């Protein structure tokens, strides 16, 4: 009986140690995942700061153009409306970028720091999805900024059909270059398929 009790005691001790090791490994894994998610959250937050700053700069340029727009009495209503719509849309999209960047850079880290367990993962997933919308708003505003400049070229030359052509061609080439360069850079730096876990998983 003493030997049997000793064997049972050894088995219980061994099982307890294995269980403790299992819990320790699980906690270490959670900590490692938390550290990775924290780095990713900081990455998106810093990118929001950068995109928001550039969007605010462009919005400032556009607002200055709206304020300084005078002496258009001799310009046809079509050009006036086209320029106004393109300029206002550019400012709206850039301001939307600024507001969304501010919200993400404040609310996502706040959720990660003060939320319940699992808030870090939720903040990263939301940030990952909303960051794409942030990019779309920024580039939409940049597109309409170029359109506004092209229409203003016609206004500057008082509606002449031929004199603004070089300026409009340069603006179109600039837009094409931005698109091609972005697509090329995105293809070079694109993450491999399956390297990002699906949202909600």
N, C-alpha and C. Protein backbone atom coordinates (compact mmCIF):
# COMPACT_ATOMS: atom_id res chain seq x y z
N UNK A 1 0.81 -1.23 0.00
CA UNK A 1 0.00 0.00 0.00
C UNK A 1 0.84 1.27 0.00
N UNK A 2 1.92 1.36 0.82
CA UNK A 2 2.72 2.59 0.77
C UNK A 2 3.29 2.84 -0.63
N UNK A 3 3.75 1.77 -1.31
CA UNK A 3 4.29 1.94 -2.65
C UNK A 3 3.20 2.43 -3.61
N UNK A 4 2.01 1.86 -3.43
CA UNK A 4 0.90 2.26 -4.30
C UNK A 4 0.53 3.73 -4.08
N UNK A 5 0.51 4.14 -2.80
CA UNK A 5 0.20 5.54 -2.50
C UNK A 5 1.27 6.46 -3.07
N UNK A 6 2.55 6.01 -2.98
CA UNK A 6 3.63 6.82 -3.50
C UNK A 6 3.51 6.95 -5.04
N UNK A 7 3.14 5.86 -5.72
CA UNK A 7 2.98 5.89 -7.17
C UNK A 7 1.84 6.82 -7.57
N UNK A 8 0.73 6.73 -6.82
CA UNK A 8 -0.41 7.60 -7.11
C UNK A 8 -0.03 9.05 -6.89
N UNK A 9 0.74 9.30 -5.83
CA UNK A 9 1.18 10.67 -5.54
C UNK A 9 2.09 11.20 -6.64
N UNK A 10 3.00 10.34 -7.13
CA UNK A 10 3.89 10.76 -8.22
C UNK A 10 3.11 11.07 -9.49
N UNK A 11 2.10 10.23 -9.78
CA UNK A 11 1.28 10.45 -10.96
C UNK A 11 0.52 11.78 -10.85
N UNK A 12 -0.04 12.04 -9.66
CA UNK A 12 -0.78 13.29 -9.46
C UNK A 12 0.14 14.50 -9.59
N UNK A 13 1.36 14.36 -9.02
CA UNK A 13 2.32 15.46 -9.10
C UNK A 13 2.72 15.72 -10.56
N UNK A 14 2.99 14.62 -11.30
CA UNK A 14 3.37 14.76 -12.71
C UNK A 14 2.26 15.38 -13.53
N UNK A 15 1.00 14.95 -13.29
CA UNK A 15 -0.14 15.51 -14.02
C UNK A 15 -0.31 16.98 -13.70
N UNK A 16 -0.09 17.33 -12.43
CA UNK A 16 -0.21 18.74 -12.04
C UNK A 16 0.85 19.60 -12.71
N UNK A 17 2.08 19.05 -12.81
CA UNK A 17 3.15 19.81 -13.45
C UNK A 17 2.87 19.99 -14.95
N UNK A 18 2.36 18.93 -15.59
CA UNK A 18 2.02 19.03 -17.00
C UNK A 18 0.93 20.07 -17.23
N UNK A 19 -0.07 20.08 -16.35
CA UNK A 19 -1.16 21.04 -16.47
C UNK A 19 -0.65 22.47 -16.27
N UNK A 20 0.26 22.62 -15.30
CA UNK A 20 0.83 23.94 -15.05
C UNK A 20 1.66 24.41 -16.25
N UNK A 21 2.44 23.47 -16.83
CA UNK A 21 3.22 23.81 -18.02
C UNK A 21 2.31 24.21 -19.18
N UNK A 22 1.19 23.50 -19.31
CA UNK A 22 0.24 23.81 -20.38
C UNK A 22 -0.31 25.21 -20.23
N UNK A 23 -0.73 25.56 -18.99
CA UNK A 23 -1.25 26.90 -18.74
C UNK A 23 -0.18 27.97 -18.97
N UNK A 24 1.05 27.65 -18.59
CA UNK A 24 2.15 28.61 -18.78
C UNK A 24 2.41 28.86 -20.26
N UNK A 25 2.40 27.79 -21.07
CA UNK A 25 2.59 27.95 -22.51
C UNK A 25 1.46 28.75 -23.14
N UNK A 26 0.23 28.50 -22.67
CA UNK A 26 -0.91 29.24 -23.19
C UNK A 26 -0.79 30.74 -22.88
N UNK A 27 -0.36 31.06 -21.68
CA UNK A 27 -0.19 32.46 -21.30
C UNK A 27 0.93 33.11 -22.09
N UNK A 28 2.02 32.37 -22.31
CA UNK A 28 3.12 32.91 -23.11
C UNK A 28 2.68 33.18 -24.56
N UNK A 29 1.86 32.27 -25.11
CA UNK A 29 1.34 32.45 -26.46
C UNK A 29 0.43 33.68 -26.53
N UNK A 30 -0.43 33.84 -25.54
CA UNK A 30 -1.30 35.02 -25.51
C UNK A 30 -0.49 36.30 -25.44
N UNK A 31 0.56 36.28 -24.61
CA UNK A 31 1.40 37.46 -24.48
C UNK A 31 2.12 37.79 -25.79
N UNK A 32 2.62 36.76 -26.46
CA UNK A 32 3.31 36.98 -27.74
C UNK A 32 2.34 37.55 -28.79
N UNK A 33 1.14 37.00 -28.87
CA UNK A 33 0.14 37.50 -29.81
C UNK A 33 -0.25 38.94 -29.48
N UNK A 34 -0.33 39.24 -28.17
CA UNK A 34 -0.69 40.59 -27.75
C UNK A 34 0.40 41.59 -28.15
N UNK A 35 1.65 41.18 -28.02
CA UNK A 35 2.75 42.06 -28.41
C UNK A 35 2.76 42.32 -29.92
N UNK A 36 2.46 41.28 -30.71
CA UNK A 36 2.39 41.45 -32.16
C UNK A 36 1.24 42.38 -32.54
N UNK A 37 0.08 42.19 -31.92
CA UNK A 37 -1.06 43.04 -32.22
C UNK A 37 -0.81 44.48 -31.79
N UNK A 38 -0.07 44.65 -30.69
CA UNK A 38 0.26 46.00 -30.24
C UNK A 38 1.14 46.72 -31.28
N UNK A 39 2.10 46.00 -31.85
CA UNK A 39 2.95 46.59 -32.89
C UNK A 39 2.12 46.94 -34.13
N UNK A 40 1.19 46.06 -34.49
CA UNK A 40 0.35 46.34 -35.66
C UNK A 40 -0.55 47.53 -35.42
N UNK A 41 -1.08 47.65 -34.21
CA UNK A 41 -1.93 48.79 -33.87
C UNK A 41 -1.14 50.09 -33.94
N UNK A 42 0.09 50.07 -33.42
CA UNK A 42 0.94 51.26 -33.50
C UNK A 42 1.26 51.61 -34.95
N UNK A 43 1.46 50.58 -35.78
CA UNK A 43 1.74 50.80 -37.20
C UNK A 43 0.58 51.53 -37.87
N UNK A 44 -0.64 51.06 -37.66
CA UNK A 44 -1.81 51.69 -38.27
C UNK A 44 -2.04 53.10 -37.70
N UNK A 45 -1.79 53.27 -36.40
CA UNK A 45 -1.99 54.58 -35.78
C UNK A 45 -1.04 55.62 -36.37
N UNK A 46 0.23 55.25 -36.52
CA UNK A 46 1.19 56.18 -37.11
C UNK A 46 0.83 56.49 -38.56
N UNK A 47 0.33 55.51 -39.29
CA UNK A 47 -0.09 55.75 -40.67
C UNK A 47 -1.29 56.69 -40.73
N UNK A 48 -2.19 56.57 -39.77
CA UNK A 48 -3.33 57.49 -39.71
C UNK A 48 -2.86 58.92 -39.47
N UNK A 49 -1.85 59.09 -38.59
CA UNK A 49 -1.29 60.42 -38.38
C UNK A 49 -0.76 61.00 -39.69
N UNK A 50 -0.02 60.17 -40.43
CA UNK A 50 0.62 60.63 -41.67
C UNK A 50 -0.43 61.00 -42.73
N UNK A 51 -1.37 60.09 -42.97
CA UNK A 51 -2.40 60.34 -43.98
C UNK A 51 -3.27 61.53 -43.59
N UNK A 52 -3.62 61.63 -42.32
CA UNK A 52 -4.44 62.75 -41.86
C UNK A 52 -3.75 64.09 -42.04
N UNK A 53 -2.43 64.12 -41.79
CA UNK A 53 -1.67 65.37 -41.97
C UNK A 53 -1.65 65.80 -43.43
N UNK A 54 -1.39 64.85 -44.33
CA UNK A 54 -1.37 65.18 -45.76
C UNK A 54 -2.75 65.59 -46.26
N UNK A 55 -3.79 64.93 -45.77
CA UNK A 55 -5.15 65.30 -46.18
C UNK A 55 -5.50 66.70 -45.69
N UNK A 56 -5.09 67.06 -44.49
CA UNK A 56 -5.35 68.41 -43.97
C UNK A 56 -4.62 69.46 -44.80
N UNK A 57 -3.41 69.13 -45.26
CA UNK A 57 -2.66 70.06 -46.10
C UNK A 57 -3.40 70.32 -47.42
N UNK A 58 -3.86 69.25 -48.07
CA UNK A 58 -4.58 69.40 -49.34
C UNK A 58 -5.90 70.14 -49.12
N UNK A 59 -6.60 69.82 -48.03
CA UNK A 59 -7.86 70.52 -47.74
C UNK A 59 -7.61 72.01 -47.53
N UNK A 60 -6.48 72.36 -46.94
CA UNK A 60 -6.15 73.77 -46.77
C UNK A 60 -5.93 74.47 -48.10
N UNK A 61 -5.23 73.79 -49.02
CA UNK A 61 -5.04 74.35 -50.36
C UNK A 61 -6.38 74.57 -51.06
N UNK A 62 -7.25 73.57 -50.96
CA UNK A 62 -8.55 73.65 -51.64
C UNK A 62 -9.40 74.77 -51.04
N UNK A 63 -9.39 74.88 -49.73
CA UNK A 63 -10.18 75.94 -49.08
C UNK A 63 -9.67 77.32 -49.49
N UNK A 64 -8.35 77.45 -49.58
CA UNK A 64 -7.79 78.73 -50.03
C UNK A 64 -8.23 79.05 -51.46
N UNK A 65 -8.29 78.03 -52.31
CA UNK A 65 -8.75 78.25 -53.69
C UNK A 65 -10.20 78.71 -53.71
N UNK A 66 -11.04 78.13 -52.85
CA UNK A 66 -12.45 78.53 -52.80
C UNK A 66 -12.59 79.97 -52.32
N UNK A 67 -11.82 80.32 -51.29
CA UNK A 67 -11.91 81.67 -50.73
C UNK A 67 -11.42 82.71 -51.73
N UNK A 68 -10.36 82.37 -52.46
CA UNK A 68 -9.75 83.34 -53.38
C UNK A 68 -10.44 83.38 -54.74
N UNK A 69 -11.44 82.52 -54.96
CA UNK A 69 -12.11 82.48 -56.27
C UNK A 69 -13.00 83.71 -56.43
N UNK A 70 -12.57 84.61 -57.30
CA UNK A 70 -13.33 85.84 -57.57
C UNK A 70 -13.26 86.14 -59.08
N UNK A 71 -13.99 87.13 -59.46
CA UNK A 71 -13.95 87.63 -60.83
C UNK A 71 -14.26 86.53 -61.85
N UNK A 72 -15.32 85.79 -61.61
CA UNK A 72 -15.73 84.75 -62.56
C UNK A 72 -17.04 85.11 -63.24
N UNK A 73 -17.34 86.39 -63.27
CA UNK A 73 -18.62 86.82 -63.84
C UNK A 73 -18.70 86.56 -65.33
N UNK A 74 -17.54 86.61 -66.01
CA UNK A 74 -17.54 86.42 -67.46
C UNK A 74 -17.44 84.96 -67.88
N UNK A 75 -17.37 84.05 -66.90
CA UNK A 75 -17.22 82.62 -67.20
C UNK A 75 -18.60 81.98 -67.27
N UNK A 76 -18.74 81.05 -68.20
CA UNK A 76 -20.01 80.36 -68.36
C UNK A 76 -20.41 79.56 -67.13
N UNK A 77 -21.71 79.34 -66.95
CA UNK A 77 -22.16 78.59 -65.76
C UNK A 77 -21.67 77.15 -65.74
N UNK A 78 -21.44 76.55 -66.92
CA UNK A 78 -20.96 75.17 -66.94
C UNK A 78 -19.60 75.03 -66.29
N UNK A 79 -18.69 75.93 -66.65
CA UNK A 79 -17.35 75.89 -66.05
C UNK A 79 -17.39 76.22 -64.57
N UNK A 80 -18.22 77.18 -64.20
CA UNK A 80 -18.35 77.55 -62.79
C UNK A 80 -18.82 76.35 -61.95
N UNK A 81 -19.87 75.71 -62.45
CA UNK A 81 -20.43 74.58 -61.70
C UNK A 81 -19.43 73.43 -61.65
N UNK A 82 -18.76 73.14 -62.76
CA UNK A 82 -17.78 72.04 -62.79
C UNK A 82 -16.64 72.30 -61.81
N UNK A 83 -16.13 73.53 -61.82
CA UNK A 83 -15.03 73.85 -60.91
C UNK A 83 -15.48 73.79 -59.45
N UNK A 84 -16.66 74.35 -59.18
CA UNK A 84 -17.17 74.36 -57.80
C UNK A 84 -17.38 72.95 -57.28
N UNK A 85 -18.00 72.10 -58.10
CA UNK A 85 -18.28 70.72 -57.67
C UNK A 85 -16.99 69.95 -57.42
N UNK A 86 -16.04 70.05 -58.36
CA UNK A 86 -14.78 69.32 -58.20
C UNK A 86 -14.01 69.82 -56.99
N UNK A 87 -13.99 71.13 -56.78
CA UNK A 87 -13.24 71.71 -55.66
C UNK A 87 -13.86 71.34 -54.32
N UNK A 88 -15.18 71.47 -54.25
CA UNK A 88 -15.86 71.14 -52.99
C UNK A 88 -15.75 69.65 -52.68
N UNK A 89 -15.88 68.80 -53.70
CA UNK A 89 -15.73 67.35 -53.47
C UNK A 89 -14.32 67.02 -52.98
N UNK A 90 -13.32 67.68 -53.55
CA UNK A 90 -11.96 67.45 -53.09
C UNK A 90 -11.82 67.80 -51.61
N UNK A 91 -12.34 68.97 -51.21
CA UNK A 91 -12.25 69.36 -49.81
C UNK A 91 -13.03 68.42 -48.90
N UNK A 92 -14.22 68.00 -49.36
CA UNK A 92 -15.04 67.11 -48.53
C UNK A 92 -14.32 65.78 -48.30
N UNK A 93 -13.78 65.18 -49.35
CA UNK A 93 -13.11 63.89 -49.19
C UNK A 93 -11.87 64.01 -48.30
N UNK A 94 -11.12 65.10 -48.45
CA UNK A 94 -9.93 65.26 -47.61
C UNK A 94 -10.31 65.52 -46.15
N UNK A 95 -11.39 66.26 -45.93
CA UNK A 95 -11.85 66.47 -44.55
C UNK A 95 -12.38 65.18 -43.95
N UNK A 96 -13.06 64.37 -44.77
CA UNK A 96 -13.49 63.06 -44.29
C UNK A 96 -12.28 62.20 -43.89
N UNK A 97 -11.21 62.32 -44.67
CA UNK A 97 -9.98 61.60 -44.34
C UNK A 97 -9.42 62.07 -43.00
N UNK A 98 -9.39 63.38 -42.80
CA UNK A 98 -8.86 63.94 -41.55
C UNK A 98 -9.68 63.46 -40.36
N UNK A 99 -11.01 63.53 -40.49
CA UNK A 99 -11.89 63.14 -39.37
C UNK A 99 -11.74 61.65 -39.07
N UNK A 100 -11.75 60.81 -40.12
CA UNK A 100 -11.62 59.37 -39.88
C UNK A 100 -10.26 59.02 -39.30
N UNK A 101 -9.21 59.67 -39.77
CA UNK A 101 -7.87 59.42 -39.23
C UNK A 101 -7.82 59.80 -37.75
N UNK A 102 -8.44 60.92 -37.39
CA UNK A 102 -8.47 61.33 -35.99
C UNK A 102 -9.25 60.33 -35.14
N UNK A 103 -10.41 59.90 -35.63
CA UNK A 103 -11.21 58.94 -34.88
C UNK A 103 -10.46 57.63 -34.66
N UNK A 104 -9.84 57.11 -35.73
CA UNK A 104 -9.13 55.84 -35.62
C UNK A 104 -7.94 55.94 -34.68
N UNK A 105 -7.18 57.03 -34.79
CA UNK A 105 -5.96 57.16 -33.98
C UNK A 105 -6.27 57.39 -32.50
N UNK A 106 -7.51 57.80 -32.19
CA UNK A 106 -7.89 58.02 -30.78
C UNK A 106 -8.68 56.83 -30.23
N UNK A 107 -9.69 56.39 -30.98
CA UNK A 107 -10.61 55.40 -30.45
C UNK A 107 -10.04 53.99 -30.45
N UNK A 108 -9.27 53.62 -31.48
CA UNK A 108 -8.74 52.26 -31.52
C UNK A 108 -7.74 51.99 -30.39
N UNK A 109 -6.73 52.85 -30.17
CA UNK A 109 -5.84 52.61 -29.01
C UNK A 109 -6.59 52.68 -27.68
N UNK A 110 -7.62 53.55 -27.61
CA UNK A 110 -8.41 53.63 -26.38
C UNK A 110 -9.13 52.32 -26.09
N UNK A 111 -9.72 51.71 -27.11
CA UNK A 111 -10.37 50.41 -26.93
C UNK A 111 -9.37 49.35 -26.52
N UNK A 112 -8.20 49.35 -27.16
CA UNK A 112 -7.19 48.34 -26.86
C UNK A 112 -6.68 48.46 -25.42
N UNK A 113 -6.59 49.68 -24.92
CA UNK A 113 -6.04 49.89 -23.58
C UNK A 113 -7.07 49.68 -22.48
N UNK A 114 -8.31 50.15 -22.71
CA UNK A 114 -9.29 50.16 -21.62
C UNK A 114 -10.40 49.13 -21.78
N UNK A 115 -10.44 48.43 -22.91
CA UNK A 115 -11.51 47.47 -23.14
C UNK A 115 -11.28 46.15 -22.43
N UNK A 116 -12.28 45.27 -22.46
CA UNK A 116 -12.15 43.94 -21.83
C UNK A 116 -11.19 43.05 -22.63
N UNK A 117 -11.07 41.82 -22.21
CA UNK A 117 -10.17 40.88 -22.89
C UNK A 117 -10.63 40.67 -24.34
N UNK A 118 -9.67 40.71 -25.23
CA UNK A 118 -9.96 40.58 -26.65
C UNK A 118 -10.13 41.91 -27.36
N UNK A 119 -10.03 43.02 -26.62
CA UNK A 119 -10.23 44.34 -27.23
C UNK A 119 -9.09 44.70 -28.17
N UNK A 120 -7.88 44.23 -27.85
CA UNK A 120 -6.74 44.52 -28.73
C UNK A 120 -6.97 43.92 -30.12
N UNK A 121 -7.40 42.66 -30.15
CA UNK A 121 -7.68 42.00 -31.43
C UNK A 121 -8.79 42.72 -32.19
N UNK A 122 -9.83 43.11 -31.48
CA UNK A 122 -10.94 43.81 -32.12
C UNK A 122 -10.49 45.16 -32.68
N UNK A 123 -9.65 45.89 -31.91
CA UNK A 123 -9.17 47.19 -32.37
C UNK A 123 -8.32 47.05 -33.62
N UNK A 124 -7.47 46.03 -33.66
CA UNK A 124 -6.61 45.82 -34.82
C UNK A 124 -7.44 45.48 -36.05
N UNK A 125 -8.44 44.61 -35.88
CA UNK A 125 -9.28 44.22 -37.02
C UNK A 125 -10.07 45.39 -37.58
N UNK A 126 -10.63 46.22 -36.68
CA UNK A 126 -11.37 47.39 -37.13
C UNK A 126 -10.42 48.36 -37.83
N UNK A 127 -9.25 48.57 -37.25
CA UNK A 127 -8.28 49.48 -37.84
C UNK A 127 -7.84 49.00 -39.23
N UNK A 128 -7.67 47.70 -39.36
CA UNK A 128 -7.23 47.12 -40.64
C UNK A 128 -8.26 47.36 -41.74
N UNK A 129 -9.54 47.23 -41.40
CA UNK A 129 -10.58 47.45 -42.40
C UNK A 129 -10.82 48.92 -42.70
N UNK A 130 -10.85 49.76 -41.65
CA UNK A 130 -11.12 51.18 -41.85
C UNK A 130 -9.96 51.91 -42.51
N UNK A 131 -8.76 51.36 -42.38
CA UNK A 131 -7.60 51.98 -43.01
C UNK A 131 -7.72 51.98 -44.54
N UNK A 132 -8.37 50.95 -45.08
CA UNK A 132 -8.61 50.91 -46.52
C UNK A 132 -9.57 52.02 -46.95
N UNK A 133 -10.61 52.26 -46.15
CA UNK A 133 -11.53 53.36 -46.44
C UNK A 133 -10.82 54.70 -46.36
N UNK A 134 -9.92 54.82 -45.41
CA UNK A 134 -9.13 56.05 -45.27
C UNK A 134 -8.34 56.34 -46.54
N UNK A 135 -7.73 55.30 -47.08
CA UNK A 135 -6.97 55.46 -48.33
C UNK A 135 -7.88 55.86 -49.47
N UNK A 136 -9.06 55.26 -49.57
CA UNK A 136 -9.99 55.58 -50.66
C UNK A 136 -10.43 57.04 -50.59
N UNK A 137 -10.75 57.53 -49.39
CA UNK A 137 -11.14 58.92 -49.23
C UNK A 137 -10.00 59.86 -49.65
N UNK A 138 -8.78 59.54 -49.23
CA UNK A 138 -7.65 60.40 -49.54
C UNK A 138 -7.42 60.49 -51.05
N UNK A 139 -7.41 59.34 -51.71
CA UNK A 139 -7.14 59.34 -53.15
C UNK A 139 -8.31 59.93 -53.94
N UNK A 140 -9.53 59.79 -53.45
CA UNK A 140 -10.67 60.44 -54.11
C UNK A 140 -10.52 61.96 -54.04
N UNK A 141 -10.13 62.46 -52.87
CA UNK A 141 -9.91 63.90 -52.75
C UNK A 141 -8.77 64.38 -53.63
N UNK A 142 -7.71 63.57 -53.74
CA UNK A 142 -6.59 63.93 -54.61
C UNK A 142 -7.01 63.94 -56.08
N UNK A 143 -7.86 63.00 -56.46
CA UNK A 143 -8.36 62.95 -57.84
C UNK A 143 -9.15 64.22 -58.19
N UNK A 144 -10.09 64.58 -57.33
CA UNK A 144 -10.90 65.77 -57.59
C UNK A 144 -10.07 67.05 -57.49
N UNK A 145 -8.99 67.01 -56.72
CA UNK A 145 -8.08 68.16 -56.67
C UNK A 145 -7.47 68.40 -58.06
N UNK A 146 -7.08 67.32 -58.72
CA UNK A 146 -6.53 67.45 -60.07
C UNK A 146 -7.61 67.89 -61.08
N UNK A 147 -8.81 67.35 -60.92
CA UNK A 147 -9.90 67.76 -61.81
C UNK A 147 -10.20 69.25 -61.64
N UNK A 148 -10.19 69.72 -60.40
CA UNK A 148 -10.41 71.14 -60.14
C UNK A 148 -9.34 71.99 -60.82
N UNK A 149 -8.09 71.53 -60.75
CA UNK A 149 -7.00 72.27 -61.39
C UNK A 149 -7.17 72.31 -62.91
N UNK A 150 -7.64 71.19 -63.49
CA UNK A 150 -7.84 71.15 -64.94
C UNK A 150 -8.96 72.10 -65.36
N UNK A 151 -10.06 72.11 -64.62
CA UNK A 151 -11.16 73.02 -64.95
C UNK A 151 -10.74 74.48 -64.77
N UNK A 152 -9.95 74.72 -63.74
CA UNK A 152 -9.49 76.10 -63.51
C UNK A 152 -8.59 76.59 -64.65
N UNK A 153 -7.90 75.67 -65.31
CA UNK A 153 -7.08 76.06 -66.46
C UNK A 153 -7.97 76.66 -67.55
N UNK A 154 -9.14 76.08 -67.78
CA UNK A 154 -10.07 76.64 -68.76
C UNK A 154 -10.62 77.98 -68.29
N UNK A 155 -10.88 78.09 -66.98
CA UNK A 155 -11.37 79.37 -66.45
C UNK A 155 -10.30 80.44 -66.59
N UNK A 156 -9.05 80.07 -66.35
CA UNK A 156 -7.94 81.03 -66.43
C UNK A 156 -7.78 81.59 -67.83
N UNK A 157 -8.03 80.73 -68.82
CA UNK A 157 -7.93 81.18 -70.21
C UNK A 157 -9.29 81.60 -70.78
N UNK A 158 -10.22 81.89 -69.86
CA UNK A 158 -11.52 82.45 -70.22
C UNK A 158 -12.29 81.56 -71.20
N UNK A 159 -12.24 80.27 -70.99
CA UNK A 159 -13.03 79.35 -71.78
C UNK A 159 -12.48 79.01 -73.13
N UNK A 160 -11.25 79.42 -73.44
CA UNK A 160 -10.65 79.06 -74.73
C UNK A 160 -10.46 77.54 -74.80
N UNK A 161 -10.75 76.96 -75.95
CA UNK A 161 -10.73 75.50 -76.07
C UNK A 161 -9.32 74.93 -76.28
N UNK A 162 -8.37 75.76 -76.73
CA UNK A 162 -7.07 75.22 -77.13
C UNK A 162 -5.92 75.63 -76.20
N UNK A 163 -5.93 76.83 -75.69
CA UNK A 163 -4.82 77.29 -74.85
C UNK A 163 -4.62 76.44 -73.58
N UNK A 164 -5.69 75.97 -72.93
CA UNK A 164 -5.47 75.19 -71.70
C UNK A 164 -5.05 73.74 -71.96
N UNK A 165 -5.03 73.31 -73.22
CA UNK A 165 -4.75 71.89 -73.50
C UNK A 165 -3.43 71.42 -72.91
N UNK A 166 -2.30 72.16 -73.06
CA UNK A 166 -1.04 71.68 -72.45
C UNK A 166 -1.14 71.48 -70.93
N UNK A 167 -1.82 72.42 -70.26
CA UNK A 167 -1.98 72.28 -68.81
C UNK A 167 -2.83 71.07 -68.45
N UNK A 168 -3.93 70.88 -69.17
CA UNK A 168 -4.81 69.74 -68.90
C UNK A 168 -4.09 68.42 -69.18
N UNK A 169 -3.29 68.39 -70.25
CA UNK A 169 -2.52 67.18 -70.57
C UNK A 169 -1.52 66.87 -69.46
N UNK A 170 -0.85 67.91 -68.94
CA UNK A 170 0.10 67.70 -67.85
C UNK A 170 -0.61 67.15 -66.60
N UNK A 171 -1.79 67.68 -66.31
CA UNK A 171 -2.56 67.20 -65.15
C UNK A 171 -2.99 65.75 -65.36
N UNK A 172 -3.44 65.43 -66.58
CA UNK A 172 -3.84 64.05 -66.88
C UNK A 172 -2.65 63.10 -66.78
N UNK A 173 -1.48 63.55 -67.26
CA UNK A 173 -0.27 62.72 -67.15
C UNK A 173 0.13 62.52 -65.69
N UNK A 174 -0.03 63.57 -64.90
CA UNK A 174 0.29 63.46 -63.47
C UNK A 174 -0.62 62.45 -62.78
N UNK A 175 -1.92 62.50 -63.10
CA UNK A 175 -2.86 61.53 -62.53
C UNK A 175 -2.52 60.11 -62.97
N UNK A 176 -2.20 59.95 -64.26
CA UNK A 176 -1.85 58.62 -64.76
C UNK A 176 -0.58 58.10 -64.09
N UNK A 177 0.38 58.98 -63.92
CA UNK A 177 1.63 58.57 -63.27
C UNK A 177 1.37 58.15 -61.82
N UNK A 178 0.56 58.93 -61.10
CA UNK A 178 0.24 58.57 -59.72
C UNK A 178 -0.40 57.20 -59.63
N UNK A 179 -1.33 56.94 -60.56
CA UNK A 179 -2.03 55.65 -60.54
C UNK A 179 -1.07 54.50 -60.87
N UNK A 180 -0.28 54.67 -61.92
CA UNK A 180 0.64 53.61 -62.33
C UNK A 180 1.70 53.37 -61.27
N UNK A 181 2.24 54.45 -60.70
CA UNK A 181 3.27 54.31 -59.68
C UNK A 181 2.72 53.63 -58.43
N UNK A 182 1.48 54.01 -58.05
CA UNK A 182 0.85 53.37 -56.88
C UNK A 182 0.63 51.89 -57.12
N UNK A 183 0.11 51.54 -58.31
CA UNK A 183 -0.15 50.13 -58.62
C UNK A 183 1.16 49.34 -58.65
N UNK A 184 2.20 49.94 -59.22
CA UNK A 184 3.49 49.25 -59.29
C UNK A 184 4.08 49.04 -57.91
N UNK A 185 4.04 50.09 -57.08
CA UNK A 185 4.59 49.97 -55.73
C UNK A 185 3.78 49.00 -54.89
N UNK A 186 2.45 49.03 -55.07
CA UNK A 186 1.59 48.11 -54.31
C UNK A 186 1.85 46.66 -54.69
N UNK A 187 2.12 46.41 -55.96
CA UNK A 187 2.42 45.04 -56.39
C UNK A 187 3.77 44.56 -55.84
N UNK A 188 4.73 45.48 -55.70
CA UNK A 188 6.04 45.11 -55.17
C UNK A 188 5.99 44.84 -53.66
N UNK A 189 5.13 45.58 -52.97
CA UNK A 189 5.09 45.49 -51.51
C UNK A 189 3.87 44.73 -51.01
N UNK A 190 3.11 44.11 -51.90
CA UNK A 190 1.92 43.38 -51.48
C UNK A 190 2.30 42.18 -50.62
N UNK A 191 1.54 41.98 -49.55
CA UNK A 191 1.78 40.84 -48.67
C UNK A 191 1.36 39.55 -49.36
N UNK A 192 2.04 38.45 -49.09
CA UNK A 192 1.64 37.18 -49.69
C UNK A 192 0.23 36.78 -49.26
N UNK A 193 -0.46 36.05 -50.13
CA UNK A 193 -1.82 35.60 -49.82
C UNK A 193 -1.81 34.69 -48.60
N UNK A 194 -2.74 34.96 -47.68
CA UNK A 194 -2.84 34.15 -46.47
C UNK A 194 -1.97 34.63 -45.34
N UNK A 195 -1.19 35.71 -45.54
CA UNK A 195 -0.32 36.19 -44.47
C UNK A 195 -1.06 37.01 -43.45
N UNK A 196 -2.27 37.52 -43.83
CA UNK A 196 -3.10 38.29 -42.92
C UNK A 196 -4.30 37.43 -42.52
N UNK A 197 -4.52 37.22 -41.22
CA UNK A 197 -5.68 36.43 -40.80
C UNK A 197 -6.97 37.12 -41.16
N UNK A 198 -8.02 36.38 -41.51
CA UNK A 198 -9.30 37.01 -41.86
C UNK A 198 -9.91 37.71 -40.68
N UNK A 199 -10.67 38.76 -40.95
CA UNK A 199 -11.33 39.50 -39.88
C UNK A 199 -12.39 38.62 -39.25
N UNK A 200 -12.41 38.73 -37.92
CA UNK A 200 -13.39 37.97 -37.17
C UNK A 200 -12.94 36.56 -36.88
N UNK A 201 -11.72 36.16 -37.37
CA UNK A 201 -11.24 34.82 -37.15
C UNK A 201 -10.18 34.76 -36.10
